[in-house]
Structures are given as structure tokens and as C-alpha cells.
Amino acid sequence: MAEEAATTETTEATEHKGGFPPFDTTTFPSQIFWLVITFAFLFVVLWRVAGPRIQGAITLRRSTINAAIDAATRARGEADAASAAYQTALAGARARANALAEETRQSMNAEIVKAKAEADATAAAAMQAADARIQATRTEAKAHVTNAARDAAIVIVQRLTGETVSPEDAAKAVGG
């Protein structure tokens, strides 16, 4: 047993003698072999399993994005068409409103002209009636003034001379 203990101690001493095991140059070929095997296995797994799944997800996302862009483009076209139809309808409504306003304005102007002509005619008739009344009043006033002057001449002559003058002679003397 003493022999075994001594062998174990020397084996352990030789194993620890080289330092960190991955840096031991005697194990490089086996490390490189397992590195190539592991890399090849991971490459095949990524190439055959993960790669298609990732590519499928990317393709699905790309098709979803393209479909959304196409839908947005169609919606924008429809919105532009609706906006153009709205603008056309709005322009037509404005044109009809302007035409209706112009028609109403012309109708109102015609009614104003007609009312003005009627008012002018009524005013002219009232002026003629007033002129006729004024003329009649003047004529009547002249007659009253003439009669008053005649009566005054008769009274004045009678008081001054004491004679009675006939109304015809007094009217001739007054100038009427």
C-alpha cells in the first residue's frame, strides 16, 4: 500500500505540473477534434432547424408588413377618392348656393324696383292731388280775398262818402 500511495502522489504531481488543462499542448488534438465536432453539430442544427424557423418568421413578418402597406395604400386611395368626391360635391353645392343667392338678389332687386316705381307713382299722384288742393285753396282764397276787398271797399266808401256803392262797381274798383 505504501507503494500505491507513492504512485498516486507522483501521478497527481505530474498532472498538476502542466498548469491550466486547456492550455496543455498535449491535449490540443483532442480539443480541436471535439471543437470541430461540436461546431459541425451546432452548424447543422442551426442550418436545418433554427434557420428555416427564423426564415419562416422573417417571411411571415415581411408578408404581414407588405399586406399592411398594401391595405394602407388602398385605404389612402379610397380616402383620396372620397376627398375628391367630397370636394366636388362641396364645389357643386357652393355653385348652387351662389346661383340661388344671385337669383334671390335679382328677384329682390326687381321687387325693390317695382316697389320704388309704385311708391314713386303713389307719391306723384299724391303730389298732383296736393297741387290740385293747393290750387283750389288758392283760388278759393283769392275769391275770399276779392270778396273781402269788395266788402271792405263798400264799407269804406259808405263811411267816407256816405253813399252806397253796388257790389259790381266795388268789384270793378278793387280789380276783380
C-alpha atoms as a PDB file:
ATOM      1  CA  MET A   1       0.000   0.000   0.000  1.00  0.00           C
ATOM      2  CA  ALA A   2       2.804   2.309   0.594  1.00  0.00           C
ATOM      3  CA  GLU A   3       3.782   1.763  -2.983  1.00  0.00           C
ATOM      4  CA  GLU A   4       0.382   2.691  -4.246  1.00  0.00           C
ATOM      5  CA  ALA A   5       0.332   5.863  -2.207  1.00  0.00           C
ATOM      6  CA  ALA A   6       3.641   6.910  -3.641  1.00  0.00           C
ATOM      7  CA  THR A   7       2.452   6.255  -7.222  1.00  0.00           C
ATOM      8  CA  THR A   8      -0.702   8.246  -6.679  1.00  0.00           C
ATOM      9  CA  GLU A   9       1.271  11.148  -5.309  1.00  0.00           C
ATOM     10  CA  THR A  10       3.632  11.162  -8.282  1.00  0.00           C
ATOM     11  CA  THR A  11       0.719  10.875 -10.761  1.00  0.00           C
ATOM     12  CA  GLU A  12      -1.096  13.749  -9.108  1.00  0.00           C
ATOM     13  CA  ALA A  13       2.071  15.748  -9.095  1.00  0.00           C
ATOM     14  CA  THR A  14       2.622  15.189 -12.795  1.00  0.00           C
ATOM     15  CA  GLU A  15      -0.991  16.067 -13.641  1.00  0.00           C
ATOM     16  CA  HIS A  16      -0.869  19.371 -11.818  1.00  0.00           C
ATOM     17  CA  LYS A  17       2.506  20.180 -13.122  1.00  0.00           C
ATOM     18  CA  GLY A  18       1.298  21.403 -16.564  1.00  0.00           C
ATOM     19  CA  GLY A  19      -0.995  24.252 -15.307  1.00  0.00           C
ATOM     20  CA  PHE A  20      -4.465  25.002 -16.753  1.00  0.00           C
ATOM     21  CA  PRO A  21      -5.592  21.826 -18.668  1.00  0.00           C
ATOM     22  CA  PRO A  22      -6.958  23.532 -21.812  1.00  0.00           C
ATOM     23  CA  PHE A  23      -3.547  25.156 -22.273  1.00  0.00           C
ATOM     24  CA  ASP A  24      -1.806  21.794 -22.106  1.00  0.00           C
ATOM     25  CA  THR A  25      -0.327  21.247 -25.586  1.00  0.00           C
ATOM     26  CA  THR A  26      -0.594  17.517 -25.337  1.00  0.00           C
ATOM     27  CA  THR A  27      -4.431  17.736 -25.388  1.00  0.00           C
ATOM     28  CA  PHE A  28      -4.692  20.149 -28.342  1.00  0.00           C
ATOM     29  CA  PRO A  29      -5.526  17.496 -30.972  1.00  0.00           C
ATOM     30  CA  SER A  30      -8.420  16.091 -28.941  1.00  0.00           C
ATOM     31  CA  GLN A  31      -9.647  19.612 -28.112  1.00  0.00           C
ATOM     32  CA  ILE A  32      -9.584  20.589 -31.784  1.00  0.00           C
ATOM     33  CA  PHE A  33     -11.361  17.347 -32.719  1.00  0.00           C
ATOM     34  CA  TRP A  34     -14.206  17.989 -30.241  1.00  0.00           C
ATOM     35  CA  LEU A  35     -14.338  21.672 -31.255  1.00  0.00           C
ATOM     36  CA  VAL A  36     -14.855  20.665 -34.916  1.00  0.00           C
ATOM     37  CA  ILE A  37     -17.473  18.043 -33.972  1.00  0.00           C
ATOM     38  CA  THR A  38     -19.354  20.490 -31.726  1.00  0.00           C
ATOM     39  CA  PHE A  39     -19.150  23.273 -34.313  1.00  0.00           C
ATOM     40  CA  ALA A  40     -20.357  20.942 -37.076  1.00  0.00           C
ATOM     41  CA  PHE A  41     -23.232  19.695 -34.904  1.00  0.00           C
ATOM     42  CA  LEU A  42     -24.308  23.253 -33.972  1.00  0.00           C
ATOM     43  CA  PHE A  43     -23.946  24.360 -37.598  1.00  0.00           C
ATOM     44  CA  VAL A  44     -26.163  21.517 -38.822  1.00  0.00           C
ATOM     45  CA  VAL A  45     -28.745  22.171 -36.088  1.00  0.00           C
ATOM     46  CA  LEU A  46     -28.832  25.895 -36.897  1.00  0.00           C
ATOM     47  CA  TRP A  47     -28.823  25.243 -40.658  1.00  0.00           C
ATOM     48  CA  ARG A  48     -31.519  22.560 -40.659  1.00  0.00           C
ATOM     49  CA  VAL A  49     -33.738  23.502 -37.665  1.00  0.00           C
ATOM     50  CA  ALA A  50     -33.289  27.058 -36.448  1.00  0.00           C
ATOM     51  CA  GLY A  51     -32.516  28.607 -39.849  1.00  0.00           C
ATOM     52  CA  PRO A  52     -35.798  27.602 -41.504  1.00  0.00           C
ATOM     53  CA  ARG A  53     -37.771  28.665 -38.431  1.00  0.00           C
ATOM     54  CA  ILE A  54     -36.084  32.070 -38.388  1.00  0.00           C
ATOM     55  CA  GLN A  55     -36.516  32.395 -42.150  1.00  0.00           C
ATOM     56  CA  GLY A  56     -40.215  31.452 -41.802  1.00  0.00           C
ATOM     57  CA  ALA A  57     -40.726  34.084 -39.096  1.00  0.00           C
ATOM     58  CA  ILE A  58     -38.964  36.717 -41.218  1.00  0.00           C
ATOM     59  CA  THR A  59     -41.016  35.750 -44.277  1.00  0.00           C
ATOM     60  CA  LEU A  60     -44.246  35.860 -42.241  1.00  0.00           C
ATOM     61  CA  ARG A  61     -43.378  39.277 -40.844  1.00  0.00           C
ATOM     62  CA  ARG A  62     -42.384  40.572 -44.260  1.00  0.00           C
ATOM     63  CA  SER A  63     -45.648  39.334 -45.829  1.00  0.00           C
ATOM     64  CA  THR A  64     -47.664  40.815 -42.929  1.00  0.00           C
ATOM     65  CA  ILE A  65     -45.899  44.156 -43.310  1.00  0.00           C
ATOM     66  CA  ASN A  66     -46.370  44.146 -47.092  1.00  0.00           C
ATOM     67  CA  ALA A  67     -50.060  43.273 -46.680  1.00  0.00           C
ATOM     68  CA  ALA A  68     -50.474  46.107 -44.182  1.00  0.00           C
ATOM     69  CA  ILE A  69     -48.702  48.520 -46.558  1.00  0.00           C
ATOM     70  CA  ASP A  70     -50.942  47.393 -49.435  1.00  0.00           C
ATOM     71  CA  ALA A  71     -54.052  47.821 -47.273  1.00  0.00           C
ATOM     72  CA  ALA A  72     -52.882  51.268 -46.206  1.00  0.00           C
ATOM     73  CA  THR A  73     -52.218  52.211 -49.831  1.00  0.00           C
ATOM     74  CA  ARG A  74     -55.708  51.052 -50.838  1.00  0.00           C
ATOM     75  CA  ALA A  75     -57.257  52.893 -47.886  1.00  0.00           C
ATOM     76  CA  ARG A  76     -55.327  56.027 -48.797  1.00  0.00           C
ATOM     77  CA  GLY A  77     -56.531  55.765 -52.407  1.00  0.00           C
ATOM     78  CA  GLU A  78     -60.106  55.327 -51.197  1.00  0.00           C
ATOM     79  CA  ALA A  79     -59.694  58.287 -48.836  1.00  0.00           C
ATOM     80  CA  ASP A  80     -58.288  60.412 -51.658  1.00  0.00           C
ATOM     81  CA  ALA A  81     -61.199  59.406 -53.895  1.00  0.00           C
ATOM     82  CA  ALA A  82     -63.681  60.171 -51.117  1.00  0.00           C
ATOM     83  CA  SER A  83     -61.983  63.515 -50.510  1.00  0.00           C
ATOM     84  CA  ALA A  84     -62.125  64.351 -54.220  1.00  0.00           C
ATOM     85  CA  ALA A  85     -65.820  63.371 -54.332  1.00  0.00           C
ATOM     86  CA  TYR A  86     -66.458  65.497 -51.243  1.00  0.00           C
ATOM     87  CA  GLN A  87     -64.624  68.477 -52.744  1.00  0.00           C
ATOM     88  CA  THR A  88     -66.583  68.067 -55.995  1.00  0.00           C
ATOM     89  CA  ALA A  89     -69.888  67.866 -54.121  1.00  0.00           C
ATOM     90  CA  LEU A  90     -68.883  70.849 -51.994  1.00  0.00           C
ATOM     91  CA  ALA A  91     -67.973  72.889 -55.086  1.00  0.00           C
ATOM     92  CA  GLY A  92     -71.304  71.947 -56.707  1.00  0.00           C
ATOM     93  CA  ALA A  93     -73.184  72.926 -53.557  1.00  0.00           C
ATOM     94  CA  ARG A  94     -71.335  76.236 -53.410  1.00  0.00           C
ATOM     95  CA  ALA A  95     -72.130  76.899 -57.076  1.00  0.00           C
ATOM     96  CA  ARG A  96     -75.818  76.104 -56.484  1.00  0.00           C
ATOM     97  CA  ALA A  97     -75.857  78.288 -53.378  1.00  0.00           C
ATOM     98  CA  ASN A  98     -74.206  81.156 -55.267  1.00  0.00           C
ATOM     99  CA  ALA A  99     -76.686  80.764 -58.146  1.00  0.00           C
ATOM    100  CA  LEU A 100     -79.599  80.681 -55.716  1.00  0.00           C
ATOM    101  CA  ALA A 101     -78.237  83.734 -53.892  1.00  0.00           C
ATOM    102  CA  GLU A 102     -77.815  85.593 -57.198  1.00  0.00           C
ATOM    103  CA  GLU A 103     -81.331  84.620 -58.262  1.00  0.00           C
ATOM    104  CA  THR A 104     -82.699  85.796 -54.918  1.00  0.00           C
ATOM    105  CA  ARG A 105     -80.683  89.020 -55.182  1.00  0.00           C
ATOM    106  CA  GLN A 106     -82.061  89.688 -58.669  1.00  0.00           C
ATOM    107  CA  SER A 107     -85.591  88.868 -57.512  1.00  0.00           C
ATOM    108  CA  MET A 108     -85.232  91.201 -54.531  1.00  0.00           C
ATOM    109  CA  ASN A 109     -83.800  93.943 -56.759  1.00  0.00           C
ATOM    110  CA  ALA A 110     -86.744  93.529 -59.145  1.00  0.00           C
ATOM    111  CA  GLU A 111     -89.174  93.735 -56.220  1.00  0.00           C
ATOM    112  CA  ILE A 112     -87.351  96.800 -54.914  1.00  0.00           C
ATOM    113  CA  VAL A 113     -87.521  98.471 -58.334  1.00  0.00           C
ATOM    114  CA  LYS A 114     -91.209  97.576 -58.598  1.00  0.00           C
ATOM    115  CA  ALA A 115     -91.940  98.856 -55.068  1.00  0.00           C
ATOM    116  CA  LYS A 116     -89.947 102.011 -55.776  1.00  0.00           C
ATOM    117  CA  ALA A 117     -91.881 102.601 -59.003  1.00  0.00           C
ATOM    118  CA  GLU A 118     -95.178 102.045 -57.148  1.00  0.00           C
ATOM    119  CA  ALA A 119     -94.047 104.381 -54.378  1.00  0.00           C
ATOM    120  CA  ASP A 120     -92.965 106.978 -56.951  1.00  0.00           C
ATOM    121  CA  ALA A 121     -96.308 106.659 -58.728  1.00  0.00           C
ATOM    122  CA  THR A 122     -98.175 106.939 -55.433  1.00  0.00           C
ATOM    123  CA  ALA A 123     -96.020 109.920 -54.442  1.00  0.00           C
ATOM    124  CA  ALA A 124     -96.585 111.574 -57.842  1.00  0.00           C
ATOM    125  CA  ALA A 125    -100.347 111.017 -57.542  1.00  0.00           C
ATOM    126  CA  ALA A 126    -100.294 112.415 -54.010  1.00  0.00           C
ATOM    127  CA  MET A 127     -98.262 115.401 -55.233  1.00  0.00           C
ATOM    128  CA  GLN A 128    -100.764 116.049 -58.042  1.00  0.00           C
ATOM    129  CA  ALA A 129    -103.654 115.751 -55.610  1.00  0.00           C
ATOM    130  CA  ALA A 130    -101.882 118.083 -53.191  1.00  0.00           C
ATOM    131  CA  ASP A 131    -101.131 120.556 -56.029  1.00  0.00           C
ATOM    132  CA  ALA A 132    -104.782 120.416 -57.075  1.00  0.00           C
ATOM    133  CA  ARG A 133    -105.894 121.013 -53.473  1.00  0.00           C
ATOM    134  CA  ILE A 134    -103.392 123.858 -53.136  1.00  0.00           C
ATOM    135  CA  GLN A 135    -104.591 125.359 -56.412  1.00  0.00           C
ATOM    136  CA  ALA A 136    -108.225 125.021 -55.308  1.00  0.00           C
ATOM    137  CA  THR A 137    -107.377 126.546 -51.941  1.00  0.00           C
ATOM    138  CA  ARG A 138    -105.556 129.421 -53.693  1.00  0.00           C
ATOM    139  CA  THR A 139    -108.480 130.011 -55.998  1.00  0.00           C
ATOM    140  CA  GLU A 140    -110.882 129.883 -53.066  1.00  0.00           C
ATOM    141  CA  ALA A 141    -108.616 132.139 -51.033  1.00  0.00           C
ATOM    142  CA  LYS A 142    -108.438 134.619 -53.940  1.00  0.00           C
ATOM    143  CA  ALA A 143    -112.193 134.596 -54.149  1.00  0.00           C
ATOM    144  CA  HIS A 144    -112.459 135.196 -50.407  1.00  0.00           C
ATOM    145  CA  VAL A 145    -109.840 137.948 -50.547  1.00  0.00           C
ATOM    146  CA  THR A 146    -111.606 139.531 -53.519  1.00  0.00           C
ATOM    147  CA  ASN A 147    -114.971 139.309 -51.727  1.00  0.00           C
ATOM    148  CA  ALA A 148    -113.418 140.702 -48.550  1.00  0.00           C
ATOM    149  CA  ALA A 149    -111.777 143.536 -50.509  1.00  0.00           C
ATOM    150  CA  ARG A 150    -115.086 144.282 -52.275  1.00  0.00           C
ATOM    151  CA  ASP A 151    -116.988 144.303 -48.967  1.00  0.00           C
ATOM    152  CA  ALA A 152    -114.289 146.456 -47.387  1.00  0.00           C
ATOM    153  CA  ALA A 153    -114.424 148.895 -50.343  1.00  0.00           C
ATOM    154  CA  ILE A 154    -118.205 149.144 -49.982  1.00  0.00           C
ATOM    155  CA  VAL A 155    -117.911 149.854 -46.259  1.00  0.00           C
ATOM    156  CA  ILE A 156    -115.040 152.346 -46.712  1.00  0.00           C
ATOM    157  CA  VAL A 157    -116.881 154.261 -49.463  1.00  0.00           C
ATOM    158  CA  GLN A 158    -120.053 154.292 -47.393  1.00  0.00           C
ATOM    159  CA  ARG A 159    -118.241 155.660 -44.343  1.00  0.00           C
ATOM    160  CA  LEU A 160    -116.179 158.186 -46.213  1.00  0.00           C
ATOM    161  CA  THR A 161    -118.779 159.475 -48.633  1.00  0.00           C
ATOM    162  CA  GLY A 162    -121.954 158.162 -47.147  1.00  0.00           C
ATOM    163  CA  GLU A 163    -123.058 156.809 -50.471  1.00  0.00           C
ATOM    164  CA  THR A 164    -123.895 153.209 -51.117  1.00  0.00           C
ATOM    165  CA  VAL A 165    -121.900 151.526 -53.861  1.00  0.00           C
ATOM    166  CA  SER A 166    -123.175 148.457 -55.688  1.00  0.00           C
ATOM    167  CA  PRO A 167    -121.155 145.231 -55.274  1.00  0.00           C
ATOM    168  CA  GLU A 168    -120.416 145.136 -59.052  1.00  0.00           C
ATOM    169  CA  ASP A 169    -118.969 148.657 -59.000  1.00  0.00           C
ATOM    170  CA  ALA A 170    -116.917 147.815 -55.899  1.00  0.00           C
ATOM    171  CA  ALA A 171    -115.627 144.647 -57.588  1.00  0.00           C
ATOM    172  CA  LYS A 172    -114.563 146.663 -60.662  1.00  0.00           C
ATOM    173  CA  ALA A 173    -112.863 149.204 -58.454  1.00  0.00           C
ATOM    174  CA  VAL A 174    -110.951 146.556 -56.453  1.00  0.00           C
ATOM    175  CA  GLY A 175    -109.842 144.882 -59.711  1.00  0.00           C
ATOM    176  CA  GLY A 176    -111.738 141.742 -59.555  1.00  0.00           C
END
